[in-house]
Protein backbone atom coordinates (compact mmCIF):
# COMPACT_ATOMS: atom_id res chain seq x y z
CA MET A 1 175.59 -132.03 1.64
CA PRO A 2 171.87 -132.41 0.82
CA SER A 3 170.72 -131.59 -2.68
CA ILE A 4 167.50 -129.79 -3.54
CA LYS A 5 165.46 -131.30 -6.31
CA ALA A 6 162.27 -130.41 -8.14
CA ASN A 7 159.86 -133.29 -8.73
CA LYS A 8 162.60 -135.73 -7.61
CA LYS A 9 164.79 -134.61 -10.50
CA PRO A 10 167.71 -132.19 -10.37
CA ILE A 11 166.90 -128.61 -11.27
CA ARG A 12 168.28 -128.01 -14.77
CA VAL A 13 170.02 -124.64 -14.78
CA LEU A 14 171.24 -122.59 -17.71
CA TYR A 15 173.83 -120.25 -16.21
CA SER A 16 174.70 -117.33 -18.47
CA PHE A 17 177.77 -115.23 -17.62
CA PRO A 18 179.11 -112.78 -20.22
CA HIS A 19 182.60 -112.35 -18.74
CA LYS A 20 185.67 -114.50 -17.96
CA LEU A 21 184.35 -117.20 -15.64
CA GLY A 22 186.88 -117.82 -12.88
CA ALA A 23 188.89 -114.61 -13.19
CA GLY A 24 188.74 -111.90 -10.47
CA ARG A 25 185.93 -110.06 -8.68
CA ILE A 26 182.47 -110.95 -10.10
CA CYS A 27 184.10 -113.54 -12.36
CA TYR A 28 185.28 -115.38 -9.25
CA THR A 29 181.86 -115.02 -7.62
CA ALA A 30 180.17 -116.57 -10.65
CA TRP A 31 182.69 -119.43 -10.72
CA GLU A 32 182.00 -120.25 -7.07
CA GLN A 33 178.25 -120.11 -7.70
CA VAL A 34 178.49 -122.60 -10.54
CA ARG A 35 180.64 -124.94 -8.47
CA GLY A 36 178.32 -124.54 -5.46
CA ILE A 37 175.01 -125.23 -7.19
CA ALA A 38 176.50 -128.24 -9.00
CA LYS A 39 177.72 -129.64 -5.68
CA ALA A 40 174.31 -128.98 -4.13
CA GLY A 41 172.63 -131.13 -6.79
CA ALA A 42 171.76 -128.96 -9.77
CA GLU A 43 172.29 -130.07 -13.37
CA VAL A 44 174.22 -127.10 -14.75
CA THR A 45 174.94 -125.90 -18.27
CA VAL A 46 177.18 -122.81 -18.29
CA PHE A 47 177.56 -120.37 -21.14
CA PRO A 48 180.40 -118.03 -20.13
CA GLY A 49 181.95 -115.49 -22.41
CA VAL A 50 185.30 -117.18 -21.76
CA LEU A 51 186.28 -119.98 -19.37
CA HIS A 52 189.22 -118.63 -17.39
CA ARG A 53 189.42 -121.39 -14.77
CA ALA A 54 188.45 -125.06 -14.99
CA ILE A 55 185.07 -126.03 -13.58
CA PRO A 56 183.96 -129.47 -12.22
CA GLU A 57 183.57 -132.08 -14.95
CA ARG A 58 179.90 -132.66 -14.18
CA VAL A 59 179.16 -129.10 -15.36
CA LYS A 60 178.68 -128.62 -19.11
CA VAL A 61 180.56 -125.51 -20.28
CA VAL A 62 180.29 -123.96 -23.75
CA PRO A 63 181.87 -120.49 -24.10
CA THR A 64 180.20 -117.90 -26.31
CA LEU A 65 183.17 -115.68 -27.13
CA ALA A 66 185.80 -118.36 -27.58
CA ARG A 67 186.34 -121.51 -29.62
CA GLY A 68 189.43 -123.41 -28.64
CA PRO A 69 192.35 -120.97 -28.44
CA ILE A 70 190.51 -118.34 -30.52
CA ARG A 71 188.76 -115.60 -28.53
CA ILE A 72 186.86 -112.43 -29.30
CA PRO A 73 188.94 -109.88 -27.34
CA TYR A 74 186.83 -107.80 -24.95
CA LYS A 75 189.10 -104.77 -25.32
CA LEU A 76 188.86 -104.82 -29.09
CA VAL A 77 185.07 -104.92 -29.39
CA GLY A 78 184.31 -103.15 -26.09
CA MET A 79 182.72 -104.66 -23.00
CA VAL A 80 179.12 -103.71 -23.85
CA ARG A 81 179.39 -105.04 -27.41
CA ALA A 82 180.98 -108.26 -26.14
CA CYS A 83 178.08 -108.67 -23.72
CA GLU A 84 175.59 -108.09 -26.56
CA ILE A 85 177.25 -110.79 -28.68
CA HIS A 86 177.21 -113.18 -25.72
CA ASP A 87 173.54 -112.45 -25.07
CA ALA A 88 172.57 -113.08 -28.69
CA VAL A 89 174.43 -116.41 -28.72
CA VAL A 90 172.85 -117.59 -25.45
CA ALA A 91 169.35 -116.59 -26.60
CA ARG A 92 169.81 -118.59 -29.82
CA ARG A 93 171.09 -121.63 -27.90
CA LEU A 94 168.23 -121.38 -25.40
CA ARG A 95 165.65 -121.63 -28.19
CA ARG A 96 167.25 -124.89 -29.33
CA MET A 97 167.44 -126.45 -25.86
CA ALA A 98 164.28 -125.04 -24.23
CA LYS A 99 162.96 -128.47 -23.19
CA GLN A 100 166.22 -129.23 -21.39
CA ILE A 101 166.12 -126.17 -19.07
CA ASP A 102 164.05 -125.49 -15.94
CA ILE A 103 165.46 -122.06 -15.04
CA VAL A 104 167.84 -119.45 -16.46
CA HIS A 105 170.34 -117.62 -14.23
CA ALA A 106 171.65 -114.47 -15.94
CA TRP A 107 174.03 -111.61 -15.14
CA PRO A 108 173.65 -107.86 -15.76
CA VAL A 109 174.30 -106.09 -19.07
CA GLY A 110 174.56 -109.35 -21.04
CA SER A 111 171.14 -110.94 -20.72
CA LEU A 112 168.20 -108.92 -22.10
CA ARG A 113 167.63 -111.06 -25.21
CA THR A 114 168.09 -114.22 -23.17
CA LEU A 115 165.56 -113.09 -20.56
CA GLU A 116 163.03 -112.10 -23.22
CA THR A 117 163.51 -115.40 -25.06
CA ALA A 118 163.04 -117.38 -21.86
CA LYS A 119 159.85 -115.45 -21.11
CA LYS A 120 158.41 -116.35 -24.52
CA LEU A 121 159.34 -120.00 -23.91
CA GLY A 122 157.74 -119.98 -20.44
CA ILE A 123 161.03 -120.58 -18.61
CA PRO A 124 161.50 -118.74 -15.26
CA THR A 125 164.55 -116.48 -15.00
CA VAL A 126 166.63 -115.03 -12.18
CA LEU A 127 168.91 -112.03 -12.67
CA GLU A 128 171.97 -111.71 -10.45
CA ARG A 129 172.34 -108.40 -8.59
CA PRO A 130 175.98 -108.31 -7.44
CA ASN A 131 175.49 -104.66 -6.46
CA ALA A 132 172.68 -102.46 -5.24
CA ASN A 133 170.11 -100.96 -7.58
CA THR A 134 172.27 -99.33 -10.24
CA ARG A 135 170.46 -95.98 -10.29
CA PHE A 136 170.81 -95.79 -6.49
CA ALA A 137 174.50 -96.72 -6.67
CA TYR A 138 175.21 -94.05 -9.27
CA GLU A 139 173.41 -91.45 -7.16
CA VAL A 140 175.05 -92.12 -3.79
CA VAL A 141 178.56 -92.53 -5.19
CA GLN A 142 178.25 -89.30 -7.18
CA GLN A 143 176.97 -87.42 -4.12
CA GLU A 144 179.91 -88.56 -1.98
CA CYS A 145 182.44 -87.83 -4.73
CA GLU A 146 181.09 -84.30 -5.01
CA ARG A 147 181.03 -83.87 -1.22
CA ILE A 148 184.73 -84.68 -0.78
CA GLY A 149 185.87 -83.30 -4.14
CA VAL A 150 187.13 -86.48 -5.82
CA PRO A 151 186.04 -87.00 -9.46
CA LEU A 152 185.62 -90.53 -10.76
CA PRO A 153 187.99 -91.50 -13.58
CA LYS A 154 186.46 -91.46 -17.04
CA GLY A 155 184.78 -94.80 -17.71
CA HIS A 156 184.83 -95.91 -14.07
CA GLU A 157 182.20 -98.57 -13.32
CA HIS A 158 180.36 -96.22 -10.92
CA GLU A 159 180.44 -93.17 -13.20
CA TYR A 160 176.87 -92.37 -14.32
CA ASN A 161 176.25 -94.13 -17.62
CA GLU A 162 172.83 -93.66 -19.17
CA GLY A 163 173.39 -96.46 -21.70
CA ILE A 164 174.28 -99.06 -19.05
CA LEU A 165 171.41 -97.90 -16.85
CA LYS A 166 168.93 -98.31 -19.72
CA ILE A 167 170.12 -101.86 -20.37
CA GLU A 168 170.07 -102.88 -16.72
CA GLU A 169 166.63 -101.42 -16.00
CA ALA A 170 165.21 -103.24 -19.05
CA GLU A 171 166.74 -106.44 -17.67
CA TYR A 172 165.10 -105.81 -14.28
CA ASP A 173 161.72 -105.72 -16.01
CA ALA A 174 162.39 -108.76 -18.19
CA ALA A 175 163.56 -111.06 -15.38
CA SER A 176 161.11 -113.15 -13.39
CA LYS A 177 163.07 -112.53 -10.18
CA LEU A 178 166.08 -110.50 -9.04
CA LEU A 179 168.67 -112.32 -6.90
CA CYS A 180 169.76 -110.11 -4.00
CA PRO A 181 172.74 -111.19 -1.85
CA SER A 182 171.92 -108.87 1.08
CA GLU A 183 169.05 -107.02 2.71
CA PHE A 184 170.77 -103.76 1.78
CA VAL A 185 170.38 -104.66 -1.91
CA VAL A 186 166.74 -105.59 -1.30
CA LYS A 187 166.11 -102.20 0.32
CA THR A 188 167.62 -100.27 -2.58
CA PHE A 189 165.17 -101.97 -4.95
CA VAL A 190 162.16 -101.61 -2.67
CA ASP A 191 162.99 -97.92 -2.26
CA LYS A 192 162.93 -97.61 -6.06
CA GLY A 193 159.42 -99.08 -6.21
CA PHE A 194 160.07 -102.80 -6.76
CA SER A 195 157.80 -105.37 -5.15
CA ARG A 196 159.42 -107.63 -2.58
CA ASP A 197 157.79 -110.54 -4.41
CA LYS A 198 160.21 -109.95 -7.29
CA LEU A 199 163.25 -110.07 -5.01
CA LEU A 200 164.86 -113.35 -3.94
CA ARG A 201 167.48 -113.57 -1.20
CA HIS A 202 170.64 -115.62 -1.30
CA ILE A 203 174.22 -115.05 -0.13
CA TYR A 204 177.79 -115.15 -1.36
CA GLY A 205 180.46 -116.97 0.62
CA TYR A 206 184.14 -117.57 1.30
CA ASP A 207 186.67 -120.32 0.61
CA GLN A 208 187.42 -121.98 3.96
CA LYS A 209 190.51 -123.63 2.46
CA ARG A 210 192.11 -120.21 2.00
CA PHE A 211 190.55 -118.18 4.80
CA TYR A 212 190.97 -119.75 8.23
CA PRO A 213 192.14 -118.45 11.63
CA ASN A 214 195.51 -118.66 13.32
CA SER A 215 195.65 -121.39 15.95
CA THR A 216 196.19 -118.72 18.61
CA GLU A 217 194.90 -115.18 18.89
CA ASN A 218 197.11 -112.20 18.25
CA GLY A 219 198.74 -110.97 21.45
CA SER A 220 196.76 -108.51 23.57
CA ASN A 221 199.92 -106.68 24.63
CA ARG A 222 200.37 -105.04 21.22
CA GLY A 223 198.35 -102.39 19.46
CA LEU A 224 195.39 -103.17 17.23
CA ARG A 225 196.09 -104.29 13.70
CA VAL A 226 193.34 -103.16 11.36
CA ILE A 227 193.11 -104.07 7.68
CA PHE A 228 191.15 -102.58 4.78
CA VAL A 229 190.92 -104.85 1.74
CA GLY A 230 189.62 -103.79 -1.66
CA VAL A 231 189.77 -101.19 -4.38
CA CYS A 232 190.60 -97.86 -2.75
CA ALA A 233 187.74 -95.80 -4.15
CA VAL A 234 185.19 -93.39 -2.67
CA ARG A 235 182.47 -96.05 -2.75
CA LYS A 236 184.35 -98.21 -0.23
CA GLY A 237 184.55 -95.41 2.34
CA LEU A 238 188.25 -95.66 3.13
CA HIS A 239 188.24 -91.94 3.99
CA PHE A 240 185.75 -92.65 6.78
CA ALA A 241 187.94 -95.47 8.10
CA LEU A 242 191.12 -93.40 8.12
CA GLU A 243 189.45 -90.46 9.85
CA ALA A 244 188.02 -92.76 12.53
CA TRP A 245 191.36 -94.52 13.01
CA LEU A 246 193.33 -91.31 13.42
CA ASN A 247 190.81 -89.98 15.96
CA SER A 248 190.51 -93.19 18.00
CA GLY A 249 193.76 -93.20 19.98
CA ALA A 250 194.47 -96.71 18.63
CA GLN A 251 196.81 -95.15 16.06
CA ASN A 252 199.35 -94.39 18.79
CA ARG A 253 200.48 -98.01 19.04
CA GLY A 254 198.55 -99.89 16.37
CA GLN A 255 198.73 -100.41 12.59
CA PHE A 256 196.25 -99.67 9.81
CA LEU A 257 196.97 -101.75 6.69
CA ILE A 258 195.51 -100.96 3.26
CA ALA A 259 195.58 -103.84 0.76
CA GLY A 260 194.40 -102.53 -2.59
CA GLY A 261 195.17 -100.12 -5.40
CA PHE A 262 194.07 -96.48 -5.36
CA ILE A 263 192.18 -94.27 -7.76
CA PRO A 264 194.84 -91.54 -8.21
CA ALA A 265 192.61 -88.55 -7.32
CA TYR A 266 191.40 -90.36 -4.20
CA GLU A 267 194.95 -91.15 -3.10
CA GLU A 268 195.87 -87.49 -3.50
CA LYS A 269 192.84 -86.45 -1.43
CA LEU A 270 193.84 -88.78 1.41
CA LYS A 271 197.55 -87.93 1.21
CA SER A 272 197.80 -86.33 4.67
CA MET A 273 196.08 -89.25 6.42
CA LEU A 274 198.06 -91.84 4.45
CA SER A 275 201.29 -90.22 5.62
CA HIS A 276 200.63 -91.03 9.29
CA PRO A 277 203.27 -93.52 10.56
CA SER A 278 200.61 -96.01 11.70
CA VAL A 279 199.11 -96.25 8.17
CA HIS A 280 200.67 -98.64 5.66
CA ALA A 281 199.44 -98.64 2.05
CA LEU A 282 200.48 -102.07 0.73
CA GLY A 283 199.07 -101.83 -2.80
CA HIS A 284 197.53 -104.84 -4.52
CA ARG A 285 198.40 -108.03 -2.61
CA GLU A 286 198.15 -111.75 -3.29
CA ASP A 287 198.55 -112.76 0.38
CA ILE A 288 195.20 -111.45 1.63
CA PRO A 289 194.36 -114.61 3.65
CA GLU A 290 197.56 -114.32 5.67
CA LEU A 291 197.14 -110.58 6.17
CA MET A 292 193.55 -111.16 7.31
CA ARG A 293 194.55 -113.90 9.77
CA ASN A 294 197.12 -111.62 11.36
CA SER A 295 194.73 -108.66 11.72
CA ASP A 296 192.42 -108.08 14.66
CA ILE A 297 189.89 -106.08 12.67
CA MET A 298 188.73 -105.92 9.04
CA ILE A 299 187.21 -102.52 8.34
CA LEU A 300 184.76 -101.77 5.49
CA PRO A 301 182.74 -98.53 5.82
CA SER A 302 181.19 -98.72 2.32
CA ILE A 303 178.50 -96.31 1.23
CA GLU A 304 177.15 -98.91 -1.22
CA GLU A 305 177.69 -102.67 -1.48
CA GLY A 306 176.20 -105.71 -3.06
CA PHE A 307 177.57 -108.03 -0.43
CA GLY A 308 181.23 -107.43 0.48
CA LEU A 309 183.06 -110.75 0.08
CA VAL A 310 185.77 -109.57 2.46
CA CYS A 311 183.19 -109.65 5.26
CA THR A 312 182.75 -113.41 5.09
CA GLU A 313 186.47 -113.88 4.50
CA ALA A 314 187.11 -111.91 7.68
CA LEU A 315 184.61 -114.03 9.63
CA GLY A 316 186.40 -117.18 8.51
CA SER A 317 189.80 -115.70 9.36
CA GLY A 318 188.89 -114.58 12.86
CA SER A 319 189.29 -110.90 11.95
CA VAL A 320 186.39 -108.96 13.47
CA PRO A 321 184.43 -106.97 10.84
CA LEU A 322 183.81 -103.28 11.54
CA VAL A 323 181.43 -102.47 8.73
CA SER A 324 178.74 -100.07 7.59
CA ASP A 325 175.11 -101.12 7.37
CA ALA A 326 175.52 -101.24 3.58
CA CYS A 327 177.48 -104.48 4.00
CA THR A 328 176.17 -108.02 4.28
CA ASP A 329 173.66 -108.84 7.01
CA LEU A 330 175.75 -111.92 7.84
CA CYS A 331 177.62 -109.40 10.01
CA ARG A 332 175.58 -109.06 13.21
CA HIS A 333 176.23 -106.22 15.63
CA MET A 334 177.82 -107.18 18.96
CA GLU A 335 177.61 -110.85 17.99
CA ASN A 336 180.29 -111.33 15.34
CA SER A 337 181.01 -107.74 14.29
CA LEU A 338 180.36 -104.06 14.98
CA ILE A 339 178.14 -102.11 12.60
CA HIS A 340 177.73 -98.39 12.04
CA SER A 341 175.45 -96.33 9.82
CA VAL A 342 176.94 -95.24 6.50
CA GLY A 343 179.16 -92.20 7.02
CA ASP A 344 178.88 -92.22 10.83
CA VAL A 345 182.54 -91.53 11.61
CA PRO A 346 182.00 -90.71 15.33
CA THR A 347 180.42 -94.14 15.95
CA LEU A 348 183.14 -95.91 13.98
CA THR A 349 185.76 -93.99 15.97
CA GLU A 350 184.22 -95.13 19.25
CA GLN A 351 184.06 -98.73 18.04
CA ILE A 352 187.78 -98.76 17.22
CA LYS A 353 188.56 -97.14 20.56
CA MET A 354 186.36 -99.66 22.38
CA LEU A 355 188.08 -102.69 20.84
CA ASP A 356 191.49 -101.20 21.48
CA GLN A 357 190.70 -100.74 25.16
CA ASP A 358 188.50 -103.80 25.75
CA ARG A 359 190.29 -106.90 24.52
CA ASN A 360 187.70 -109.14 26.18
CA LEU A 361 185.09 -107.71 23.81
CA LEU A 362 187.45 -108.22 20.88
CA HIS A 363 187.91 -111.84 21.99
CA LYS A 364 184.14 -112.33 22.27
CA LEU A 365 183.48 -110.91 18.80
CA ARG A 366 186.28 -113.00 17.30
CA ASN A 367 184.73 -116.14 18.76
CA GLY A 368 181.36 -115.05 17.40
CA ALA A 369 182.86 -114.53 13.97
CA LEU A 370 184.43 -117.99 13.93
CA ALA A 371 181.19 -119.57 15.20
CA SER A 372 179.15 -118.00 12.39
CA ALA A 373 181.68 -118.67 9.63
CA PRO A 374 180.61 -122.27 8.74
CA GLY A 375 177.23 -120.92 7.60
CA CYS A 376 178.94 -118.49 5.21
CA THR A 377 180.98 -120.81 2.98
CA TRP A 378 180.55 -121.04 -0.78
CA ASP A 379 179.07 -124.52 -0.33
CA GLN A 380 176.34 -123.06 1.88
CA ALA A 381 175.84 -120.27 -0.64
CA GLY A 382 175.26 -122.92 -3.31
CA VAL A 383 172.56 -124.56 -1.22
CA GLN A 384 170.84 -121.22 -0.63
CA LEU A 385 171.01 -120.37 -4.33
CA LEU A 386 169.37 -123.67 -5.21
CA GLU A 387 166.63 -122.87 -2.68
CA ALA A 388 166.12 -119.52 -4.42
CA TYR A 389 165.73 -121.32 -7.75
CA GLN A 390 163.10 -123.54 -6.16
CA LYS A 391 161.15 -120.48 -5.00
CA ALA A 392 161.33 -119.01 -8.49
CA LEU A 393 160.04 -122.26 -9.97
CA ASN A 394 157.17 -122.40 -7.48
């Protein structure tokens, strides 16, 4: 794979991540980014809060909240305080090694001091945006929760938090550029008054060693098998998916699988739909790749997303994405997926019905998904991220 270099030398990256690098969710995303940019040719120094999973030897890793077996426990000090400690440590280290760094890659809530220090030192910075503009996300999630009558649990990550919002918006201002993994994220910032010049595009990816298709397609003589993967919360729009499924006719002979844990109040709200014999709530699962391979459709009608990793995982598995336009733009309507506007249940219903009745279209979209998948791997994401660094440096 080609590397991207500045002035014939590798780009020297300080990658600051305040959480457990290599654990789940964003911690996994960050781990893949580090691995990807190193493989693409960057010289990477990583300061994670804690290293949860080994990283390639060519990457220098120095945790900020751990020394050997001794760790500062996140639960004891609180997540925000842990991020503050991490940020202070990284800022201090950056001052000592300023001449060894070309660009700083930081993550939300744990980077304000680091970004301000880099600015004083004349070092460009990029701030990861794993979700949409935070103020926008708070607003749209709250509106939908109120509409359907499901309160967010106390302390939930999408519950309005003025303190977090203040930190994140200060970080927006302090960063040279904001890294946006989808056009949807870009739009949420532009709509809040940000210049497109401040916004850099890149993508996330999928692990092709885990997510790959069955050698043969699922039989056309059985009903559709649809899978929803993720945290079962209002933000992900599972209520839209279930309503569309139960109105499509496909529920008469097909299966709707739900792989993920529920917010209790949300599960209670959806109780009647979840009780339908075609719907199977599986809870948290470790066999997502196999479930994805054996499903015709992956459905994700989110009202707000940063990217939606399950979209690329579905493409690689040969499971056709049926997604809202809040999801990644790597999903292209009638080419490798079907897309509907956020909350448009009638259109989603018709799309399910169409794929249930027209298996030739399902076959075409599956082939389109598999054809587009090689451009969506984590290795490709690493190359694109390095290109974004180059734009920030220029």
